C-alpha atoms as a PDB file:
ATOM      1  CA  UNK A   1       2.411 -14.140 -14.766  1.00  0.00           C
ATOM      2  CA  UNK A   2       3.777 -11.420 -17.008  1.00  0.00           C
ATOM      3  CA  UNK A   3       4.657  -7.951 -15.785  1.00  0.00           C
ATOM      4  CA  UNK A   4       1.544  -6.553 -17.419  1.00  0.00           C
ATOM      5  CA  UNK A   5      -0.761  -8.703 -15.281  1.00  0.00           C
ATOM      6  CA  UNK A   6       0.685  -7.572 -11.957  1.00  0.00           C
ATOM      7  CA  UNK A   7      -1.659  -6.093  -9.392  1.00  0.00           C
ATOM      8  CA  UNK A   8      -0.909  -3.354  -6.868  1.00  0.00           C
ATOM      9  CA  UNK A   9      -1.726  -2.617  -3.229  1.00  0.00           C
ATOM     10  CA  UNK A  10      -1.868   0.844  -1.650  1.00  0.00           C
ATOM     11  CA  UNK A  11      -0.872   0.340   1.995  1.00  0.00           C
ATOM     12  CA  UNK A  12      -2.872   2.628   4.275  1.00  0.00           C
ATOM     13  CA  UNK A  13      -4.234   4.236   1.116  1.00  0.00           C
ATOM     14  CA  UNK A  14      -2.460   6.967  -0.841  1.00  0.00           C
ATOM     15  CA  UNK A  15      -1.315   9.470   1.754  1.00  0.00           C
ATOM     16  CA  UNK A  16       2.352  10.380   1.068  1.00  0.00           C
ATOM     17  CA  UNK A  17       2.850  10.946   4.795  1.00  0.00           C
ATOM     18  CA  UNK A  18       0.022  13.461   4.961  1.00  0.00           C
ATOM     19  CA  UNK A  19       0.786  15.373   1.781  1.00  0.00           C
ATOM     20  CA  UNK A  20      -1.991  13.857  -0.330  1.00  0.00           C
ATOM     21  CA  UNK A  21      -4.278  12.715   2.502  1.00  0.00           C
ATOM     22  CA  UNK A  22      -4.172  11.364   6.038  1.00  0.00           C
ATOM     23  CA  UNK A  23      -2.902   7.806   6.496  1.00  0.00           C
ATOM     24  CA  UNK A  24      -5.647   5.152   6.773  1.00  0.00           C
ATOM     25  CA  UNK A  25      -8.261   7.786   5.929  1.00  0.00           C
ATOM     26  CA  UNK A  26     -11.289   7.568   3.655  1.00  0.00           C
ATOM     27  CA  UNK A  27      -9.686  10.116   1.317  1.00  0.00           C
ATOM     28  CA  UNK A  28      -6.516   8.003   1.069  1.00  0.00           C
ATOM     29  CA  UNK A  29      -8.710   5.063   0.087  1.00  0.00           C
ATOM     30  CA  UNK A  30     -10.520   7.086  -2.575  1.00  0.00           C
ATOM     31  CA  UNK A  31      -7.193   8.299  -3.995  1.00  0.00           C
ATOM     32  CA  UNK A  32      -5.959   4.704  -4.235  1.00  0.00           C
ATOM     33  CA  UNK A  33      -8.995   3.847  -6.335  1.00  0.00           C
ATOM     34  CA  UNK A  34      -8.622   6.994  -8.439  1.00  0.00           C
ATOM     35  CA  UNK A  35      -4.974   6.222  -9.203  1.00  0.00           C
ATOM     36  CA  UNK A  36      -5.803   2.716 -10.406  1.00  0.00           C
ATOM     37  CA  UNK A  37      -4.732   0.487  -7.513  1.00  0.00           C
ATOM     38  CA  UNK A  38      -6.315  -2.957  -7.352  1.00  0.00           C
ATOM     39  CA  UNK A  39      -6.297  -3.237  -3.549  1.00  0.00           C
ATOM     40  CA  UNK A  40      -6.161  -0.896  -0.582  1.00  0.00           C
ATOM     41  CA  UNK A  41      -4.798  -2.264   2.681  1.00  0.00           C
ATOM     42  CA  UNK A  42      -5.931  -0.738   5.960  1.00  0.00           C
ATOM     43  CA  UNK A  43      -4.697  -1.466   9.469  1.00  0.00           C
ATOM     44  CA  UNK A  44      -7.334  -1.946  12.164  1.00  0.00           C
ATOM     45  CA  UNK A  45      -7.526  -1.964  15.944  1.00  0.00           C
ATOM     46  CA  UNK A  46     -10.243  -2.264  18.598  1.00  0.00           C
ATOM     47  CA  UNK A  47     -11.481   0.594  20.767  1.00  0.00           C
ATOM     48  CA  UNK A  48     -12.424   0.099  24.408  1.00  0.00           C
ATOM     49  CA  UNK A  49     -16.084  -0.328  23.390  1.00  0.00           C
ATOM     50  CA  UNK A  50     -15.273  -2.969  20.760  1.00  0.00           C
ATOM     51  CA  UNK A  51     -15.444  -0.812  17.635  1.00  0.00           C
ATOM     52  CA  UNK A  52     -13.042  -1.704  14.798  1.00  0.00           C
ATOM     53  CA  UNK A  53     -11.223   1.436  13.629  1.00  0.00           C
ATOM     54  CA  UNK A  54      -8.548   2.140  11.012  1.00  0.00           C
ATOM     55  CA  UNK A  55      -5.260   2.812  12.805  1.00  0.00           C
ATOM     56  CA  UNK A  56      -1.768   1.338  12.431  1.00  0.00           C
ATOM     57  CA  UNK A  57      -0.088   1.945  15.786  1.00  0.00           C
ATOM     58  CA  UNK A  58      -1.395   1.066  19.261  1.00  0.00           C
ATOM     59  CA  UNK A  59      -1.345   4.808  19.980  1.00  0.00           C
ATOM     60  CA  UNK A  60      -2.623   7.791  17.990  1.00  0.00           C
ATOM     61  CA  UNK A  61       0.570   9.781  18.410  1.00  0.00           C
ATOM     62  CA  UNK A  62       2.250   9.239  15.034  1.00  0.00           C
ATOM     63  CA  UNK A  63      -0.743  10.017  12.776  1.00  0.00           C
ATOM     64  CA  UNK A  64      -3.248  12.060  14.818  1.00  0.00           C
ATOM     65  CA  UNK A  65      -3.441  15.526  16.363  1.00  0.00           C
ATOM     66  CA  UNK A  66      -5.889  17.146  18.752  1.00  0.00           C
ATOM     67  CA  UNK A  67      -9.161  18.423  17.291  1.00  0.00           C
ATOM     68  CA  UNK A  68      -7.727  21.971  17.399  1.00  0.00           C
ATOM     69  CA  UNK A  69      -4.821  20.620  15.236  1.00  0.00           C
ATOM     70  CA  UNK A  70      -2.258  20.987  18.021  1.00  0.00           C
ATOM     71  CA  UNK A  71       0.217  18.095  18.523  1.00  0.00           C
ATOM     72  CA  UNK A  72      -0.485  15.340  21.020  1.00  0.00           C
ATOM     73  CA  UNK A  73       1.682  15.836  24.102  1.00  0.00           C
ATOM     74  CA  UNK A  74       0.879  12.576  25.893  1.00  0.00           C
ATOM     75  CA  UNK A  75       0.368   8.981  24.759  1.00  0.00           C
ATOM     76  CA  UNK A  76      -3.147   8.123  23.582  1.00  0.00           C
ATOM     77  CA  UNK A  77      -3.858   4.375  23.464  1.00  0.00           C
ATOM     78  CA  UNK A  78      -6.563   3.365  20.966  1.00  0.00           C
ATOM     79  CA  UNK A  79      -7.750   0.480  23.158  1.00  0.00           C
ATOM     80  CA  UNK A  80      -8.292   2.761  26.171  1.00  0.00           C
ATOM     81  CA  UNK A  81     -10.873   5.041  24.511  1.00  0.00           C
ATOM     82  CA  UNK A  82     -14.325   4.611  23.034  1.00  0.00           C
ATOM     83  CA  UNK A  83     -15.012   5.514  19.425  1.00  0.00           C
ATOM     84  CA  UNK A  84     -16.975   8.569  20.589  1.00  0.00           C
ATOM     85  CA  UNK A  85     -14.059   9.746  22.708  1.00  0.00           C
ATOM     86  CA  UNK A  86     -11.576   9.300  19.854  1.00  0.00           C
ATOM     87  CA  UNK A  87     -13.762  11.290  17.486  1.00  0.00           C
ATOM     88  CA  UNK A  88     -14.562  14.000  20.008  1.00  0.00           C
ATOM     89  CA  UNK A  89     -10.931  14.733  20.868  1.00  0.00           C
ATOM     90  CA  UNK A  90      -8.627  13.711  18.000  1.00  0.00           C
ATOM     91  CA  UNK A  91      -8.320  13.961  14.231  1.00  0.00           C
ATOM     92  CA  UNK A  92      -6.118  12.324  11.574  1.00  0.00           C
ATOM     93  CA  UNK A  93      -3.283  14.622  10.528  1.00  0.00           C
ATOM     94  CA  UNK A  94      -2.781  15.860   6.955  1.00  0.00           C
ATOM     95  CA  UNK A  95      -0.678  18.763   5.705  1.00  0.00           C
ATOM     96  CA  UNK A  96      -3.773  20.637   4.549  1.00  0.00           C
ATOM     97  CA  UNK A  97      -6.227  21.165   7.450  1.00  0.00           C
ATOM     98  CA  UNK A  98      -9.243  20.535   5.227  1.00  0.00           C
ATOM     99  CA  UNK A  99      -7.911  17.011   4.580  1.00  0.00           C
ATOM    100  CA  UNK A 100      -7.800  16.094   8.266  1.00  0.00           C
ATOM    101  CA  UNK A 101     -10.423  13.446   9.083  1.00  0.00           C
ATOM    102  CA  UNK A 102     -12.036  11.790  12.066  1.00  0.00           C
ATOM    103  CA  UNK A 103     -10.921   8.232  12.667  1.00  0.00           C
ATOM    104  CA  UNK A 104     -12.867   5.949  10.292  1.00  0.00           C
ATOM    105  CA  UNK A 105     -14.424   2.679  11.363  1.00  0.00           C
ATOM    106  CA  UNK A 106     -13.888  -0.520   9.407  1.00  0.00           C
ATOM    107  CA  UNK A 107     -17.499  -0.208   8.270  1.00  0.00           C
ATOM    108  CA  UNK A 108     -16.763   3.268   6.874  1.00  0.00           C
ATOM    109  CA  UNK A 109     -13.788   1.861   4.946  1.00  0.00           C
ATOM    110  CA  UNK A 110     -15.770  -1.091   3.627  1.00  0.00           C
ATOM    111  CA  UNK A 111     -18.503   1.194   2.292  1.00  0.00           C
ATOM    112  CA  UNK A 112     -15.902   3.461   0.682  1.00  0.00           C
ATOM    113  CA  UNK A 113     -14.156   0.469  -0.917  1.00  0.00           C
ATOM    114  CA  UNK A 114     -17.460  -0.808  -2.303  1.00  0.00           C
ATOM    115  CA  UNK A 115     -18.460   2.624  -3.613  1.00  0.00           C
ATOM    116  CA  UNK A 116     -15.056   3.205  -5.237  1.00  0.00           C
ATOM    117  CA  UNK A 117     -14.748  -0.297  -6.729  1.00  0.00           C
ATOM    118  CA  UNK A 118     -11.480  -1.229  -5.012  1.00  0.00           C
ATOM    119  CA  UNK A 119     -10.811  -4.435  -3.070  1.00  0.00           C
ATOM    120  CA  UNK A 120     -10.269  -4.006   0.658  1.00  0.00           C
ATOM    121  CA  UNK A 121      -7.438  -5.796   2.470  1.00  0.00           C
ATOM    122  CA  UNK A 122      -7.860  -5.674   6.243  1.00  0.00           C
ATOM    123  CA  UNK A 123      -4.753  -6.054   8.417  1.00  0.00           C
ATOM    124  CA  UNK A 124      -5.700  -6.646  12.072  1.00  0.00           C
ATOM    125  CA  UNK A 125      -2.931  -5.381  14.352  1.00  0.00           C
ATOM    126  CA  UNK A 126      -4.182  -7.667  17.102  1.00  0.00           C
ATOM    127  CA  UNK A 127      -5.085 -11.278  16.355  1.00  0.00           C
ATOM    128  CA  UNK A 128      -7.795 -12.043  18.902  1.00  0.00           C
ATOM    129  CA  UNK A 129     -10.894 -14.068  18.058  1.00  0.00           C
ATOM    130  CA  UNK A 130     -12.939 -10.953  18.892  1.00  0.00           C
ATOM    131  CA  UNK A 131     -11.103  -9.007  16.186  1.00  0.00           C
ATOM    132  CA  UNK A 132     -11.345 -11.766  13.559  1.00  0.00           C
ATOM    133  CA  UNK A 133     -15.055 -12.268  14.211  1.00  0.00           C
ATOM    134  CA  UNK A 134     -15.732  -8.510  14.083  1.00  0.00           C
ATOM    135  CA  UNK A 135     -13.919  -8.131  10.740  1.00  0.00           C
ATOM    136  CA  UNK A 136     -15.812 -11.088   9.258  1.00  0.00           C
ATOM    137  CA  UNK A 137     -19.157  -9.773  10.456  1.00  0.00           C
ATOM    138  CA  UNK A 138     -18.670  -6.143   9.358  1.00  0.00           C
ATOM    139  CA  UNK A 139     -17.058  -6.807   5.981  1.00  0.00           C
ATOM    140  CA  UNK A 140     -19.336  -9.758   5.265  1.00  0.00           C
ATOM    141  CA  UNK A 141     -22.409  -7.574   5.679  1.00  0.00           C
ATOM    142  CA  UNK A 142     -21.067  -4.762   3.476  1.00  0.00           C
ATOM    143  CA  UNK A 143     -18.788  -6.493   0.951  1.00  0.00           C
ATOM    144  CA  UNK A 144     -20.178 -10.009   0.841  1.00  0.00           C
ATOM    145  CA  UNK A 145     -18.934 -13.190   2.457  1.00  0.00           C
ATOM    146  CA  UNK A 146     -15.706 -13.370   0.403  1.00  0.00           C
ATOM    147  CA  UNK A 147     -15.546  -9.838  -0.969  1.00  0.00           C
ATOM    148  CA  UNK A 148     -12.449  -8.741   0.966  1.00  0.00           C
ATOM    149  CA  UNK A 149      -9.103 -10.083   2.209  1.00  0.00           C
ATOM    150  CA  UNK A 150      -7.721 -10.539   5.712  1.00  0.00           C
ATOM    151  CA  UNK A 151      -3.942  -9.996   5.976  1.00  0.00           C
ATOM    152  CA  UNK A 152      -1.723 -11.112   8.851  1.00  0.00           C
ATOM    153  CA  UNK A 153       1.754 -12.241   9.765  1.00  0.00           C
ATOM    154  CA  UNK A 154       0.361 -15.545  10.968  1.00  0.00           C
ATOM    155  CA  UNK A 155      -2.076 -16.012  13.831  1.00  0.00           C
ATOM    156  CA  UNK A 156      -5.089 -14.093  12.522  1.00  0.00           C
ATOM    157  CA  UNK A 157      -4.931 -15.700   9.071  1.00  0.00           C
ATOM    158  CA  UNK A 158      -4.574 -19.178  10.588  1.00  0.00           C
ATOM    159  CA  UNK A 159      -7.653 -18.527  12.727  1.00  0.00           C
ATOM    160  CA  UNK A 160      -9.662 -17.193   9.772  1.00  0.00           C
ATOM    161  CA  UNK A 161      -8.798 -20.225   7.649  1.00  0.00           C
ATOM    162  CA  UNK A 162      -9.774 -22.572  10.475  1.00  0.00           C
ATOM    163  CA  UNK A 163     -13.210 -20.953  10.431  1.00  0.00           C
ATOM    164  CA  UNK A 164     -13.499 -20.668   6.631  1.00  0.00           C
ATOM    165  CA  UNK A 165     -10.910 -22.442   4.426  1.00  0.00           C
ATOM    166  CA  UNK A 166     -12.188 -20.568   1.342  1.00  0.00           C
ATOM    167  CA  UNK A 167     -11.761 -17.096   2.829  1.00  0.00           C
ATOM    168  CA  UNK A 168      -9.548 -14.741   0.738  1.00  0.00           C
ATOM    169  CA  UNK A 169      -6.468 -14.083   2.856  1.00  0.00           C
ATOM    170  CA  UNK A 170      -2.840 -13.006   2.520  1.00  0.00           C
ATOM    171  CA  UNK A 171      -0.352 -14.776   4.763  1.00  0.00           C
ATOM    172  CA  UNK A 172       3.155 -13.448   5.375  1.00  0.00           C
ATOM    173  CA  UNK A 173       5.448 -16.475   4.950  1.00  0.00           C
ATOM    174  CA  UNK A 174       9.064 -16.704   6.108  1.00  0.00           C
ATOM    175  CA  UNK A 175      10.028 -20.160   4.868  1.00  0.00           C
ATOM    176  CA  UNK A 176       8.998 -23.115   2.710  1.00  0.00           C
ATOM    177  CA  UNK A 177       7.080 -24.743   5.580  1.00  0.00           C
ATOM    178  CA  UNK A 178       4.855 -21.649   5.878  1.00  0.00           C
ATOM    179  CA  UNK A 179       4.243 -21.731   2.130  1.00  0.00           C
ATOM    180  CA  UNK A 180       3.367 -25.446   2.219  1.00  0.00           C
ATOM    181  CA  UNK A 181       0.835 -24.805   4.987  1.00  0.00           C
ATOM    182  CA  UNK A 182      -0.944 -21.807   3.426  1.00  0.00           C
ATOM    183  CA  UNK A 183      -0.812 -23.136  -0.142  1.00  0.00           C
ATOM    184  CA  UNK A 184      -3.417 -25.701   0.907  1.00  0.00           C
ATOM    185  CA  UNK A 185      -6.029 -22.932   0.942  1.00  0.00           C
ATOM    186  CA  UNK A 186      -7.421 -21.953  -2.493  1.00  0.00           C
ATOM    187  CA  UNK A 187      -7.756 -18.198  -1.914  1.00  0.00           C
ATOM    188  CA  UNK A 188      -4.629 -17.490   0.109  1.00  0.00           C
ATOM    189  CA  UNK A 189      -1.993 -15.143  -1.347  1.00  0.00           C
ATOM    190  CA  UNK A 190       1.577 -15.832  -0.205  1.00  0.00           C
ATOM    191  CA  UNK A 191       3.423 -12.706   0.966  1.00  0.00           C
ATOM    192  CA  UNK A 192       7.232 -12.931   0.814  1.00  0.00           C
ATOM    193  CA  UNK A 193       9.666 -10.254   1.938  1.00  0.00           C
ATOM    194  CA  UNK A 194      12.042  -9.003  -0.732  1.00  0.00           C
ATOM    195  CA  UNK A 195      14.701  -8.969   2.003  1.00  0.00           C
ATOM    196  CA  UNK A 196      14.566 -12.761   2.381  1.00  0.00           C
ATOM    197  CA  UNK A 197      17.946 -14.276   1.565  1.00  0.00           C
ATOM    198  CA  UNK A 198      16.185 -17.061  -0.354  1.00  0.00           C
ATOM    199  CA  UNK A 199      13.549 -14.802  -1.955  1.00  0.00           C
ATOM    200  CA  UNK A 200      13.795 -16.296  -5.457  1.00  0.00           C
ATOM    201  CA  UNK A 201      13.477 -19.886  -4.249  1.00  0.00           C
ATOM    202  CA  UNK A 202      10.518 -19.017  -2.005  1.00  0.00           C
ATOM    203  CA  UNK A 203       8.720 -17.290  -4.887  1.00  0.00           C
ATOM    204  CA  UNK A 204       9.392 -20.316  -7.104  1.00  0.00           C
ATOM    205  CA  UNK A 205       8.033 -22.652  -4.412  1.00  0.00           C
ATOM    206  CA  UNK A 206       4.835 -20.615  -4.039  1.00  0.00           C
ATOM    207  CA  UNK A 207       4.368 -20.503  -7.817  1.00  0.00           C
ATOM    208  CA  UNK A 208       5.028 -24.247  -8.043  1.00  0.00           C
ATOM    209  CA  UNK A 209       2.148 -24.733  -5.649  1.00  0.00           C
ATOM    210  CA  UNK A 210      -0.101 -22.473  -7.739  1.00  0.00           C
ATOM    211  CA  UNK A 211      -0.197 -19.540  -5.338  1.00  0.00           C
ATOM    212  CA  UNK A 212       0.021 -15.832  -6.154  1.00  0.00           C
ATOM    213  CA  UNK A 213       2.938 -14.026  -4.503  1.00  0.00           C
ATOM    214  CA  UNK A 214       2.905 -10.557  -2.910  1.00  0.00           C
ATOM    215  CA  UNK A 215       6.046  -8.557  -2.216  1.00  0.00           C
ATOM    216  CA  UNK A 216       6.406  -5.210  -0.462  1.00  0.00           C
ATOM    217  CA  UNK A 217       8.989  -2.921  -2.073  1.00  0.00           C
ATOM    218  CA  UNK A 218       8.920   0.215   0.061  1.00  0.00           C
ATOM    219  CA  UNK A 219      11.584   2.798  -0.846  1.00  0.00           C
ATOM    220  CA  UNK A 220      12.909   0.664  -3.665  1.00  0.00           C
ATOM    221  CA  UNK A 221      12.746   0.190  -7.415  1.00  0.00           C
ATOM    222  CA  UNK A 222      13.184  -3.253  -8.915  1.00  0.00           C
ATOM    223  CA  UNK A 223      13.290  -4.485 -12.491  1.00  0.00           C
ATOM    224  CA  UNK A 224      10.110  -6.521 -12.952  1.00  0.00           C
ATOM    225  CA  UNK A 225      10.107  -8.305  -9.568  1.00  0.00           C
ATOM    226  CA  UNK A 226       8.933 -11.903  -9.624  1.00  0.00           C
ATOM    227  CA  UNK A 227       5.929 -11.209  -7.392  1.00  0.00           C
ATOM    228  CA  UNK A 228       2.432 -11.086  -8.894  1.00  0.00           C
ATOM    229  CA  UNK A 229       1.168  -8.434  -6.478  1.00  0.00           C
ATOM    230  CA  UNK A 230       3.257  -5.410  -5.483  1.00  0.00           C
ATOM    231  CA  UNK A 231       2.686  -3.540  -2.239  1.00  0.00           C
ATOM    232  CA  UNK A 232       4.466  -0.321  -3.087  1.00  0.00           C
ATOM    233  CA  UNK A 233       3.090   2.731  -1.343  1.00  0.00           C
ATOM    234  CA  UNK A 234       4.195   5.316  -3.908  1.00  0.00           C
ATOM    235  CA  UNK A 235       3.801   3.263  -7.078  1.00  0.00           C
ATOM    236  CA  UNK A 236       0.819   3.817  -9.351  1.00  0.00           C
ATOM    237  CA  UNK A 237       0.125   0.894 -11.667  1.00  0.00           C
ATOM    238  CA  UNK A 238      -1.912   2.595 -14.375  1.00  0.00           C
ATOM    239  CA  UNK A 239      -0.909   5.852 -16.050  1.00  0.00           C
ATOM    240  CA  UNK A 240      -4.229   7.593 -16.846  1.00  0.00           C
ATOM    241  CA  UNK A 241      -5.305   8.656 -20.322  1.00  0.00           C
ATOM    242  CA  UNK A 242      -4.209  12.030 -21.637  1.00  0.00           C
ATOM    243  CA  UNK A 243      -0.524  11.594 -20.847  1.00  0.00           C
ATOM    244  CA  UNK A 244       2.325  12.974 -22.875  1.00  0.00           C
ATOM    245  CA  UNK A 245       5.785  11.519 -23.437  1.00  0.00           C
ATOM    246  CA  UNK A 246       9.056  13.360 -22.938  1.00  0.00           C
ATOM    247  CA  UNK A 247      12.438  11.933 -23.940  1.00  0.00           C
ATOM    248  CA  UNK A 248      14.900  13.335 -21.419  1.00  0.00           C
ATOM    249  CA  UNK A 249      18.670  13.699 -21.732  1.00  0.00           C
ATOM    250  CA  UNK A 250      21.109  11.988 -19.406  1.00  0.00           C
ATOM    251  CA  UNK A 251      22.009  14.184 -16.397  1.00  0.00           C
ATOM    252  CA  UNK A 252      19.342  16.743 -17.267  1.00  0.00           C
ATOM    253  CA  UNK A 253      16.466  18.137 -15.235  1.00  0.00           C
ATOM    254  CA  UNK A 254      12.892  18.529 -16.388  1.00  0.00           C
ATOM    255  CA  UNK A 255      10.711  21.187 -14.807  1.00  0.00           C
ATOM    256  CA  UNK A 256       7.102  20.368 -15.611  1.00  0.00           C
ATOM    257  CA  UNK A 257       3.777  21.823 -14.610  1.00  0.00           C
ATOM    258  CA  UNK A 258       2.848  22.135 -10.941  1.00  0.00           C
ATOM    259  CA  UNK A 259       1.261  18.797 -10.139  1.00  0.00           C
ATOM    260  CA  UNK A 260      -1.591  18.963  -7.641  1.00  0.00           C
ATOM    261  CA  UNK A 261      -1.887  15.200  -7.730  1.00  0.00           C
ATOM    262  CA  UNK A 262      -0.534  13.065 -10.489  1.00  0.00           C
ATOM    263  CA  UNK A 263       1.677  10.260 -11.664  1.00  0.00           C
ATOM    264  CA  UNK A 264       5.103  10.124 -13.295  1.00  0.00           C
ATOM    265  CA  UNK A 265       6.234   6.965 -15.025  1.00  0.00           C
ATOM    266  CA  UNK A 266       9.931   6.525 -15.796  1.00  0.00           C
ATOM    267  CA  UNK A 267      11.402   3.794 -17.980  1.00  0.00           C
ATOM    268  CA  UNK A 268      15.132   3.334 -18.509  1.00  0.00           C
ATOM    269  CA  UNK A 269      17.992   0.877 -18.829  1.00  0.00           C
ATOM    270  CA  UNK A 270      20.837   0.767 -16.319  1.00  0.00           C
ATOM    271  CA  UNK A 271      24.252  -0.845 -16.144  1.00  0.00           C
ATOM    272  CA  UNK A 272      26.422   0.071 -13.166  1.00  0.00           C
ATOM    273  CA  UNK A 273      25.689   2.457 -10.280  1.00  0.00           C
ATOM    274  CA  UNK A 274      23.195   5.314 -10.534  1.00  0.00           C
ATOM    275  CA  UNK A 275      21.045   7.740  -8.589  1.00  0.00           C
ATOM    276  CA  UNK A 276      17.573   8.481  -9.907  1.00  0.00           C
ATOM    277  CA  UNK A 277      15.394  11.273  -8.525  1.00  0.00           C
ATOM    278  CA  UNK A 278      11.722  11.432  -9.479  1.00  0.00           C
ATOM    279  CA  UNK A 279       9.701  14.165  -7.817  1.00  0.00           C
ATOM    280  CA  UNK A 280      10.567  13.896  -4.107  1.00  0.00           C
ATOM    281  CA  UNK A 281      11.905  10.325  -4.306  1.00  0.00           C
ATOM    282  CA  UNK A 282      15.572   9.436  -4.620  1.00  0.00           C
ATOM    283  CA  UNK A 283      16.691   5.895  -5.465  1.00  0.00           C
ATOM    284  CA  UNK A 284      20.171   4.369  -5.285  1.00  0.00           C
ATOM    285  CA  UNK A 285      20.379   1.748  -8.032  1.00  0.00           C
ATOM    286  CA  UNK A 286      22.897  -0.880  -9.063  1.00  0.00           C
ATOM    287  CA  UNK A 287      22.863  -3.385 -11.940  1.00  0.00           C
ATOM    288  CA  UNK A 288      25.809  -5.588 -12.916  1.00  0.00           C
ATOM    289  CA  UNK A 289      24.424  -6.158 -16.425  1.00  0.00           C
ATOM    290  CA  UNK A 290      22.150  -3.935 -18.568  1.00  0.00           C
ATOM    291  CA  UNK A 291      18.758  -4.078 -16.862  1.00  0.00           C
ATOM    292  CA  UNK A 292      15.467  -2.478 -17.887  1.00  0.00           C
ATOM    293  CA  UNK A 293      13.478  -0.690 -15.203  1.00  0.00           C
ATOM    294  CA  UNK A 294       9.983   0.723 -15.021  1.00  0.00           C
ATOM    295  CA  UNK A 295       8.908   2.886 -12.088  1.00  0.00           C
ATOM    296  CA  UNK A 296       5.743   4.858 -11.508  1.00  0.00           C
ATOM    297  CA  UNK A 297       5.746   7.438  -8.735  1.00  0.00           C
ATOM    298  CA  UNK A 298       2.858   9.422  -7.305  1.00  0.00           C
ATOM    299  CA  UNK A 299       3.495  13.165  -7.278  1.00  0.00           C
ATOM    300  CA  UNK A 300       1.757  15.675  -5.070  1.00  0.00           C
ATOM    301  CA  UNK A 301       1.997  19.469  -5.295  1.00  0.00           C
ATOM    302  CA  UNK A 302       5.563  19.398  -6.629  1.00  0.00           C
ATOM    303  CA  UNK A 303       7.137  20.203 -10.011  1.00  0.00           C
ATOM    304  CA  UNK A 304       7.941  17.002 -11.855  1.00  0.00           C
ATOM    305  CA  UNK A 305      11.684  16.632 -12.295  1.00  0.00           C
ATOM    306  CA  UNK A 306      13.998  13.782 -13.130  1.00  0.00           C
ATOM    307  CA  UNK A 307      17.725  13.800 -12.476  1.00  0.00           C
ATOM    308  CA  UNK A 308      20.130  10.954 -13.027  1.00  0.00           C
ATOM    309  CA  UNK A 309      23.765  10.132 -12.458  1.00  0.00           C
ATOM    310  CA  UNK A 310      25.546   7.112 -13.898  1.00  0.00           C
ATOM    311  CA  UNK A 311      25.016   4.798 -16.826  1.00  0.00           C
ATOM    312  CA  UNK A 312      21.302   5.278 -17.367  1.00  0.00           C
ATOM    313  CA  UNK A 313      20.151   5.244 -20.988  1.00  0.00           C
ATOM    314  CA  UNK A 314      16.898   5.589 -22.898  1.00  0.00           C
ATOM    315  CA  UNK A 315      15.064   7.506 -20.179  1.00  0.00           C
ATOM    316  CA  UNK A 316      11.442   8.298 -20.953  1.00  0.00           C
ATOM    317  CA  UNK A 317       9.148  10.237 -18.680  1.00  0.00           C
ATOM    318  CA  UNK A 318       5.354  10.189 -18.836  1.00  0.00           C
ATOM    319  CA  UNK A 319       3.445  12.627 -16.663  1.00  0.00           C
ATOM    320  CA  UNK A 320      -0.265  12.742 -15.958  1.00  0.00           C
ATOM    321  CA  UNK A 321      -2.193  15.093 -13.722  1.00  0.00           C
ATOM    322  CA  UNK A 322      -5.227  13.618 -11.975  1.00  0.00           C
END
């Protein structure tokens, strides 16, 4: 695949650690669709009464507060509370109080994905048959039998594919044997960590077997990575219409308009060591030979500025406010 055909996943929606929205919230899902992402991945867990809810950790403590917006002072296990109890006492945290939300169910997320025309990827944080069956039932009713993906390190995806070999899934593979196993299934995406020592050979093996490859590039910028699908929580794949282009100077700052929510795209060529700052993100880069880069970064309530140090040439900045 060429770079222009790549697809993009927003993990836990577009939240920017609470600045744009709460993590795994309905608003973060809507923002992912608005910014042009192809997929939104949500993490799910089971409550004590068997409800499937969107939550990454086994506890609420990292992403929730009390209903009065005060911090949680003791550990709150998702699996030890009913959905009604979770909604009565806790709320997802966002920087702006009006963006705080009650914990959404998987059904809520599926409806939002359908209404916003974005494909839902469901990542069960526990791999029990009860969880797999609940995801299949809920998403099947709302999104259609194969209208969503199930994502897992291993066990949950293996169980899903035992039940339905045609089910769209994404399996996290660590070696060639994993790839050989999951490549047998026609709708299984192969996820490969960029940190793998043999990343290039694993990508080549998956492509040789006709499988799409996903790679997560958190806190990183890469020059046209080999993966077909990029899980990159601050990257926006499509710069909206109505943008303008600014040619910046090396080692210069650009102070733009106050961006409520928007996208900055930076293209440049690098040879050597460099530091690139876009909005609130700072990247340490290194290229032994002249290498072309393209990065798109979501901005939220911050002036748009670009600073650079090192042998960066031909910088262009495109900014769009949503």
